[in-house]
Amino acid sequence: MKKPYKLPTIIRSKNGDWFVKYFYEWPDRPGVFKEFRVRDGINYIHDLEEKERAILQLQSDISIALDQLNYSPF
């Protein structure tokens, strides 16, 4: 069975804006995906090791919500 989302990826922009990006299929338009960007306060962390741990945890949390909890942003 095809899943209505694409797995989240971490984006580390050179300008310091880090976020987790994922795509979710529109409920009424099969095959058309909407992009979602989640920052969740990551960019307020200035220690790079702590920021890396936080972004990895955020990616993991989003993956779990999409896969196991059947989360839909719509």
Protein backbone atom coordinates (compact mmCIF):
# COMPACT_ATOMS: atom_id res chain seq x y z
CA MET A 1 0.00 0.00 0.00
CA LYS A 2 1.32 3.42 -0.98
CA LYS A 3 1.84 5.83 1.92
CA PRO A 4 0.39 9.36 1.65
CA TYR A 5 3.68 11.01 2.69
CA LYS A 6 7.37 11.15 1.87
CA LEU A 7 9.87 10.57 4.67
CA PRO A 8 11.15 13.71 6.43
CA THR A 9 14.60 15.04 5.57
CA ILE A 10 16.83 17.46 7.44
CA ILE A 11 17.74 20.71 5.69
CA ARG A 12 20.77 22.59 7.03
CA SER A 13 20.91 25.88 5.13
CA LYS A 14 24.16 27.81 5.03
CA ASN A 15 22.35 30.86 6.38
CA GLY A 16 21.71 28.96 9.65
CA ASP A 17 18.04 28.14 9.03
CA TRP A 18 17.65 24.43 9.86
CA PHE A 19 14.37 22.59 9.47
CA VAL A 20 12.83 19.20 8.80
CA LYS A 21 10.96 18.99 5.50
CA TYR A 22 8.38 16.40 4.52
CA PHE A 23 5.66 16.10 1.90
CA TYR A 24 2.09 14.93 2.48
CA GLU A 25 -0.46 14.07 -0.17
CA TRP A 26 -3.51 16.32 -0.48
CA PRO A 27 -6.56 14.31 0.65
CA ASP A 28 -8.69 15.35 -2.32
CA ARG A 29 -5.93 15.32 -4.99
CA PRO A 30 -4.17 11.94 -5.27
CA GLY A 31 -0.56 12.22 -6.41
CA VAL A 32 -0.24 15.91 -5.49
CA PHE A 33 1.90 16.61 -2.43
CA LYS A 34 2.14 19.66 -0.15
CA GLU A 35 5.48 20.55 1.43
CA PHE A 36 5.71 21.10 5.18
CA ARG A 37 8.68 22.63 7.00
CA VAL A 38 9.04 22.15 10.75
CA ARG A 39 11.52 24.24 12.74
CA ASP A 40 10.11 23.84 16.27
CA GLY A 41 12.62 26.24 17.87
CA ILE A 42 15.71 24.49 16.47
CA ASN A 43 17.22 27.74 15.23
CA TYR A 44 17.28 29.23 18.73
CA ILE A 45 19.92 26.66 19.72
CA HIS A 46 23.43 28.00 19.13
CA ASP A 47 25.54 25.05 20.29
CA LEU A 48 26.04 22.96 17.13
CA GLU A 49 26.19 19.58 18.91
CA GLU A 50 22.97 20.30 20.79
CA LYS A 51 21.34 21.66 17.63
CA GLU A 52 22.32 18.50 15.73
CA ARG A 53 20.84 16.26 18.45
CA ALA A 54 17.65 18.33 18.49
CA ILE A 55 17.16 18.23 14.71
CA LEU A 56 17.74 14.47 14.62
CA GLN A 57 15.19 14.01 17.42
CA LEU A 58 12.70 16.22 15.58
CA GLN A 59 13.13 14.17 12.40
CA SER A 60 12.61 10.97 14.40
CA ASP A 61 9.50 12.36 16.10
CA ILE A 62 7.96 13.37 12.78
CA SER A 63 8.75 9.97 11.26
CA ILE A 64 7.09 8.19 14.19
CA ALA A 65 4.02 10.45 14.01
CA LEU A 66 3.61 9.85 10.29
CA ASP A 67 4.32 6.12 10.30
CA GLN A 68 3.05 4.74 13.59
CA LEU A 69 0.50 7.31 14.75
CA ASN A 70 -1.01 7.92 11.27
CA TYR A 71 -0.66 11.70 11.70
CA SER A 72 -2.14 13.86 8.94
CA PRO A 73 -1.38 17.61 8.82
CA PHE A 74 -4.75 18.22 7.14
